[in-house]
């Protein structure tokens, strides 16, 4: 039996096993990439709260099951979030609505950044 570069005749079979395992690992990596893409923000954006109790923000990536994460980006928004008017979010297909918890109008100068997370 002739030896190959790995030093044994059986090494050829081992190379086939390695190639097969690498193909499986590649498939798993592709599945993990899909999972990662779905778990982390698909969309980010900003908005200024209206001088009202509600505001609708249009974003095509929003689903009714989306998780919307808000981040105040100015002092007025931080004050709003720390008050009884704190915003809550209701997602819908293609948009989400933010509303003050107390139903009282916001000042209208509060700016926010948001991220959309779409669970699997």
N, C-alpha and C. Protein backbone atom coordinates (compact mmCIF):
# COMPACT_ATOMS: atom_id res chain seq x y z
N UNK A 1 0.84 -1.17 0.00
CA UNK A 1 0.00 0.00 0.00
C UNK A 1 0.89 1.24 0.00
N UNK A 2 0.60 2.14 -0.88
CA UNK A 2 1.41 3.36 -0.99
C UNK A 2 0.99 4.37 0.06
N UNK A 3 1.97 5.09 0.55
CA UNK A 3 1.67 6.15 1.53
C UNK A 3 1.44 7.46 0.80
N UNK A 4 0.52 8.26 1.30
CA UNK A 4 0.32 9.58 0.71
C UNK A 4 1.06 10.61 1.56
N UNK A 5 0.83 11.88 1.29
CA UNK A 5 1.56 12.95 1.98
C UNK A 5 1.29 13.01 3.47
N UNK A 6 0.18 12.40 3.95
CA UNK A 6 -0.10 12.37 5.38
C UNK A 6 0.58 11.18 6.06
N UNK A 7 1.10 10.25 5.24
CA UNK A 7 1.87 9.17 5.82
C UNK A 7 1.15 7.84 5.91
N UNK A 8 -0.10 7.74 5.46
CA UNK A 8 -0.76 6.44 5.49
C UNK A 8 -1.76 6.35 4.35
N UNK A 9 -2.07 5.13 3.99
CA UNK A 9 -3.03 4.90 2.91
C UNK A 9 -4.43 5.26 3.36
N UNK A 10 -4.72 5.16 4.65
CA UNK A 10 -6.05 5.45 5.17
C UNK A 10 -6.32 6.95 5.28
N UNK A 11 -5.30 7.76 5.08
CA UNK A 11 -5.47 9.21 5.22
C UNK A 11 -6.44 9.76 4.19
N UNK A 12 -6.54 9.17 3.01
CA UNK A 12 -7.48 9.61 1.99
C UNK A 12 -8.91 9.55 2.49
N UNK A 13 -9.23 8.47 3.19
CA UNK A 13 -10.57 8.34 3.77
C UNK A 13 -10.77 9.40 4.85
N UNK A 14 -9.74 9.68 5.61
CA UNK A 14 -9.84 10.71 6.65
C UNK A 14 -10.06 12.09 6.04
N UNK A 15 -9.44 12.36 4.89
CA UNK A 15 -9.65 13.64 4.23
C UNK A 15 -11.10 13.79 3.78
N UNK A 16 -11.72 12.70 3.33
CA UNK A 16 -13.13 12.75 2.96
C UNK A 16 -13.99 13.04 4.18
N UNK A 17 -13.64 12.45 5.32
CA UNK A 17 -14.37 12.72 6.56
C UNK A 17 -14.23 14.19 6.95
N UNK A 18 -13.03 14.72 6.82
CA UNK A 18 -12.77 16.12 7.16
C UNK A 18 -13.58 17.03 6.24
N UNK A 19 -13.58 16.74 4.95
CA UNK A 19 -14.33 17.54 3.99
C UNK A 19 -15.82 17.52 4.31
N UNK A 20 -16.33 16.35 4.67
CA UNK A 20 -17.75 16.22 5.03
C UNK A 20 -18.07 17.05 6.28
N UNK A 21 -17.19 16.98 7.25
CA UNK A 21 -17.41 17.75 8.49
C UNK A 21 -17.31 19.25 8.24
N UNK A 22 -16.42 19.66 7.34
CA UNK A 22 -16.32 21.08 7.00
C UNK A 22 -17.59 21.56 6.28
N UNK A 23 -18.18 20.72 5.45
CA UNK A 23 -19.44 21.09 4.79
C UNK A 23 -20.55 21.27 5.82
N UNK A 24 -20.61 20.40 6.81
CA UNK A 24 -21.61 20.51 7.87
C UNK A 24 -21.36 21.78 8.68
N UNK A 25 -20.10 22.05 9.00
CA UNK A 25 -19.77 23.27 9.74
C UNK A 25 -20.16 24.52 8.95
N UNK A 26 -19.97 24.48 7.65
CA UNK A 26 -20.37 25.61 6.80
C UNK A 26 -21.88 25.81 6.83
N UNK A 27 -22.65 24.74 6.81
CA UNK A 27 -24.11 24.83 6.89
C UNK A 27 -24.54 25.41 8.23
N UNK A 28 -23.89 24.98 9.30
CA UNK A 28 -24.21 25.50 10.64
C UNK A 28 -23.86 26.98 10.72
N UNK A 29 -22.74 27.38 10.15
CA UNK A 29 -22.35 28.80 10.15
C UNK A 29 -23.38 29.64 9.40
N UNK A 30 -23.89 29.14 8.29
CA UNK A 30 -24.91 29.86 7.52
C UNK A 30 -26.20 29.99 8.33
N UNK A 31 -26.57 28.94 9.06
CA UNK A 31 -27.76 29.00 9.92
C UNK A 31 -27.56 29.99 11.06
N UNK A 32 -26.36 30.02 11.62
CA UNK A 32 -26.06 30.97 12.70
C UNK A 32 -26.12 32.41 12.19
N UNK A 33 -25.65 32.64 10.98
CA UNK A 33 -25.72 33.98 10.39
C UNK A 33 -27.17 34.41 10.21
N UNK A 34 -28.01 33.50 9.74
CA UNK A 34 -29.44 33.80 9.60
C UNK A 34 -30.05 34.12 10.95
N UNK A 35 -29.73 33.32 11.96
CA UNK A 35 -30.23 33.56 13.31
C UNK A 35 -29.76 34.91 13.83
N UNK A 36 -28.50 35.21 13.68
CA UNK A 36 -27.91 36.48 14.14
C UNK A 36 -28.62 37.65 13.47
N UNK A 37 -28.83 37.55 12.17
CA UNK A 37 -29.48 38.61 11.42
C UNK A 37 -30.90 38.84 11.91
N UNK A 38 -31.59 37.77 12.26
CA UNK A 38 -32.97 37.90 12.72
C UNK A 38 -33.06 38.39 14.17
N UNK A 39 -32.08 38.09 14.98
CA UNK A 39 -32.14 38.48 16.38
C UNK A 39 -31.73 39.92 16.64
N UNK A 40 -30.88 40.45 15.80
CA UNK A 40 -30.35 41.78 16.04
C UNK A 40 -30.99 42.79 15.09
N UNK A 41 -30.87 44.07 15.41
CA UNK A 41 -31.63 45.07 14.67
C UNK A 41 -31.51 44.96 13.17
N UNK A 42 -32.65 44.99 12.55
CA UNK A 42 -32.71 45.04 11.10
C UNK A 42 -32.82 46.49 10.66
N UNK A 43 -33.25 47.31 11.58
CA UNK A 43 -33.50 48.69 11.24
C UNK A 43 -33.25 49.57 12.45
N UNK A 44 -32.74 50.73 12.19
CA UNK A 44 -32.60 51.74 13.22
C UNK A 44 -33.08 53.05 12.64
N UNK A 45 -33.43 53.98 13.49
CA UNK A 45 -33.88 55.26 13.01
C UNK A 45 -34.01 56.25 14.14
N UNK A 46 -34.52 57.41 13.82
CA UNK A 46 -34.74 58.46 14.81
C UNK A 46 -36.10 59.09 14.56
N UNK A 47 -36.62 59.72 15.58
CA UNK A 47 -37.84 60.50 15.42
C UNK A 47 -37.89 61.56 16.52
N UNK A 48 -38.67 62.58 16.26
CA UNK A 48 -38.96 63.62 17.26
C UNK A 48 -40.41 63.42 17.68
N UNK A 49 -40.62 63.34 18.97
CA UNK A 49 -41.98 63.16 19.49
C UNK A 49 -42.80 64.39 19.16
N UNK A 50 -44.03 64.17 18.77
CA UNK A 50 -44.94 65.28 18.48
C UNK A 50 -45.38 65.94 19.78
N UNK A 51 -45.88 67.15 19.69
CA UNK A 51 -46.46 67.83 20.85
C UNK A 51 -47.88 67.27 21.01
N UNK A 52 -47.93 65.99 21.31
CA UNK A 52 -49.19 65.25 21.42
C UNK A 52 -48.96 64.06 22.33
N UNK A 53 -50.01 63.30 22.58
CA UNK A 53 -49.89 62.13 23.44
C UNK A 53 -49.45 60.89 22.65
N UNK A 54 -49.56 60.92 21.31
CA UNK A 54 -49.16 59.78 20.49
C UNK A 54 -48.43 60.25 19.25
N UNK A 55 -47.66 59.32 18.68
CA UNK A 55 -46.99 59.57 17.40
C UNK A 55 -46.80 58.22 16.72
N UNK A 56 -47.04 58.18 15.42
CA UNK A 56 -46.81 56.97 14.63
C UNK A 56 -45.52 57.15 13.84
N UNK A 57 -44.65 56.16 13.93
CA UNK A 57 -43.37 56.16 13.22
C UNK A 57 -43.44 55.07 12.16
N UNK A 58 -43.26 55.43 10.91
CA UNK A 58 -43.32 54.48 9.80
C UNK A 58 -41.94 53.85 9.59
N UNK A 59 -41.90 52.52 9.55
CA UNK A 59 -40.68 51.76 9.27
C UNK A 59 -41.11 50.43 8.68
N UNK A 60 -40.74 50.18 7.44
CA UNK A 60 -41.20 48.99 6.72
C UNK A 60 -40.76 47.68 7.36
N UNK A 61 -39.70 47.69 8.18
CA UNK A 61 -39.22 46.45 8.77
C UNK A 61 -39.98 46.04 10.03
N UNK A 62 -40.87 46.90 10.51
CA UNK A 62 -41.61 46.60 11.74
C UNK A 62 -42.71 45.58 11.45
N UNK A 63 -42.77 44.58 12.31
CA UNK A 63 -43.84 43.58 12.29
C UNK A 63 -44.67 43.76 13.55
N UNK A 64 -45.84 43.17 13.58
CA UNK A 64 -46.66 43.28 14.79
C UNK A 64 -45.99 42.58 15.97
N UNK A 65 -45.05 41.68 15.70
CA UNK A 65 -44.32 40.97 16.77
C UNK A 65 -42.97 41.61 17.07
N UNK A 66 -42.64 42.72 16.44
CA UNK A 66 -41.33 43.37 16.63
C UNK A 66 -41.17 43.89 18.05
N UNK A 67 -39.92 43.95 18.46
CA UNK A 67 -39.55 44.59 19.71
C UNK A 67 -38.88 45.90 19.31
N UNK A 68 -39.40 47.00 19.82
CA UNK A 68 -38.86 48.32 19.50
C UNK A 68 -38.14 48.83 20.74
N UNK A 69 -36.88 49.17 20.58
CA UNK A 69 -36.08 49.69 21.68
C UNK A 69 -35.88 51.19 21.45
N UNK A 70 -36.31 51.99 22.43
CA UNK A 70 -36.16 53.44 22.33
C UNK A 70 -34.98 53.91 23.16
N UNK A 71 -34.29 54.95 22.66
CA UNK A 71 -33.21 55.57 23.41
C UNK A 71 -33.35 57.08 23.30
N UNK A 72 -33.53 57.78 24.44
CA UNK A 72 -33.60 59.24 24.39
C UNK A 72 -32.27 59.81 23.88
N UNK A 73 -32.34 60.82 23.02
CA UNK A 73 -31.11 61.41 22.48
C UNK A 73 -30.96 62.89 22.83
N UNK A 74 -31.84 63.41 23.66
CA UNK A 74 -31.64 64.77 24.18
C UNK A 74 -32.22 64.83 25.60
N UNK A 75 -31.94 65.91 26.30
CA UNK A 75 -32.37 66.03 27.70
C UNK A 75 -33.89 66.02 27.82
N UNK A 76 -34.59 66.62 26.87
CA UNK A 76 -36.06 66.64 26.93
C UNK A 76 -36.62 65.22 26.85
N UNK A 77 -36.02 64.38 26.01
CA UNK A 77 -36.47 63.00 25.89
C UNK A 77 -36.15 62.21 27.15
N UNK A 78 -34.99 62.46 27.74
CA UNK A 78 -34.64 61.79 29.00
C UNK A 78 -35.59 62.17 30.11
N UNK A 79 -35.97 63.45 30.16
CA UNK A 79 -36.92 63.91 31.17
C UNK A 79 -38.28 63.26 30.94
N UNK A 80 -38.71 63.17 29.68
CA UNK A 80 -39.99 62.52 29.36
C UNK A 80 -39.99 61.07 29.82
N UNK A 81 -38.90 60.36 29.54
CA UNK A 81 -38.83 58.95 29.90
C UNK A 81 -38.76 58.74 31.42
N UNK A 82 -38.31 59.74 32.15
CA UNK A 82 -38.23 59.63 33.60
C UNK A 82 -39.46 60.16 34.31
N UNK A 83 -40.49 60.47 33.56
CA UNK A 83 -41.70 61.06 34.15
C UNK A 83 -42.89 60.12 34.03
N UNK A 84 -44.02 60.55 34.53
CA UNK A 84 -45.25 59.78 34.41
C UNK A 84 -45.73 59.70 32.96
N UNK A 85 -45.16 60.52 32.09
CA UNK A 85 -45.51 60.50 30.67
C UNK A 85 -44.69 59.47 29.87
N UNK A 86 -43.83 58.73 30.53
CA UNK A 86 -42.92 57.78 29.87
C UNK A 86 -43.59 57.10 28.68
N UNK A 87 -42.88 57.06 27.56
CA UNK A 87 -43.44 56.47 26.34
C UNK A 87 -43.51 54.95 26.40
N UNK A 88 -44.56 54.40 25.80
CA UNK A 88 -44.62 52.96 25.56
C UNK A 88 -44.87 52.76 24.07
N UNK A 89 -44.56 51.58 23.58
CA UNK A 89 -44.56 51.31 22.14
C UNK A 89 -45.57 50.24 21.79
N UNK A 90 -46.29 50.46 20.70
CA UNK A 90 -47.20 49.46 20.15
C UNK A 90 -46.82 49.23 18.69
N UNK A 91 -46.21 48.06 18.38
CA UNK A 91 -45.83 47.80 16.98
C UNK A 91 -47.03 47.34 16.16
N UNK A 92 -46.98 47.65 14.89
CA UNK A 92 -47.95 47.17 13.91
C UNK A 92 -47.17 46.88 12.63
N UNK A 93 -47.78 46.29 11.68
CA UNK A 93 -47.09 45.97 10.44
C UNK A 93 -46.74 47.25 9.69
N UNK A 94 -45.45 47.54 9.54
CA UNK A 94 -44.97 48.70 8.80
C UNK A 94 -44.83 49.98 9.61
N UNK A 95 -45.17 49.94 10.89
CA UNK A 95 -45.03 51.14 11.72
C UNK A 95 -45.14 50.76 13.19
N UNK A 96 -44.87 51.73 14.05
CA UNK A 96 -45.14 51.55 15.46
C UNK A 96 -45.64 52.88 16.02
N UNK A 97 -46.45 52.77 17.06
CA UNK A 97 -46.97 53.96 17.70
C UNK A 97 -46.33 54.09 19.06
N UNK A 98 -45.91 55.29 19.40
CA UNK A 98 -45.44 55.59 20.75
C UNK A 98 -46.52 56.47 21.39
N UNK A 99 -46.77 56.22 22.66
CA UNK A 99 -47.78 56.99 23.37
C UNK A 99 -47.29 57.26 24.78
N UNK A 100 -47.71 58.39 25.32
CA UNK A 100 -47.35 58.71 26.70
C UNK A 100 -48.22 57.87 27.64
N UNK A 101 -47.62 57.39 28.71
CA UNK A 101 -48.34 56.54 29.65
C UNK A 101 -49.47 57.28 30.35
N UNK A 102 -49.30 58.58 30.54
CA UNK A 102 -50.32 59.36 31.25
C UNK A 102 -51.38 59.93 30.31
N UNK A 103 -51.21 59.74 29.01
CA UNK A 103 -52.09 60.30 27.98
C UNK A 103 -51.98 61.82 27.88
N UNK A 104 -51.02 62.41 28.56
CA UNK A 104 -50.77 63.85 28.45
C UNK A 104 -49.80 64.10 27.30
N UNK A 105 -49.92 65.23 26.66
CA UNK A 105 -49.08 65.56 25.51
C UNK A 105 -47.62 65.76 25.91
N UNK A 106 -46.74 65.31 25.05
CA UNK A 106 -45.31 65.60 25.21
C UNK A 106 -45.07 67.04 24.79
N UNK A 107 -43.91 67.56 25.09
CA UNK A 107 -43.58 68.94 24.73
C UNK A 107 -43.44 69.09 23.21
N UNK A 108 -42.85 68.08 22.57
CA UNK A 108 -42.68 68.12 21.12
C UNK A 108 -41.25 68.35 20.68
N UNK A 109 -40.32 68.43 21.63
CA UNK A 109 -38.91 68.62 21.29
C UNK A 109 -38.07 67.39 21.63
N UNK A 110 -38.72 66.34 22.10
CA UNK A 110 -38.01 65.13 22.53
C UNK A 110 -37.58 64.31 21.31
N UNK A 111 -36.28 64.00 21.24
CA UNK A 111 -35.77 63.20 20.13
C UNK A 111 -35.34 61.83 20.64
N UNK A 112 -35.57 60.82 19.82
CA UNK A 112 -35.27 59.44 20.19
C UNK A 112 -34.60 58.73 19.02
N UNK A 113 -33.76 57.78 19.36
CA UNK A 113 -33.26 56.79 18.40
C UNK A 113 -33.99 55.50 18.73
N UNK A 114 -34.17 54.65 17.72
CA UNK A 114 -34.82 53.37 17.97
C UNK A 114 -34.16 52.26 17.16
N UNK A 115 -34.34 51.04 17.65
CA UNK A 115 -33.89 49.85 16.95
C UNK A 115 -35.04 48.88 16.88
N UNK A 116 -35.18 48.22 15.75
CA UNK A 116 -36.24 47.24 15.55
C UNK A 116 -35.63 45.86 15.63
N UNK A 117 -36.15 45.03 16.51
CA UNK A 117 -35.73 43.64 16.64
C UNK A 117 -36.90 42.76 16.23
N UNK A 118 -36.66 41.84 15.32
CA UNK A 118 -37.70 40.94 14.87
C UNK A 118 -37.38 39.52 15.32
N UNK A 119 -38.09 39.04 16.35
CA UNK A 119 -37.81 37.68 16.83
C UNK A 119 -38.20 36.63 15.79
N UNK A 120 -37.58 35.48 15.93
CA UNK A 120 -37.84 34.38 14.98
C UNK A 120 -39.23 33.85 15.16
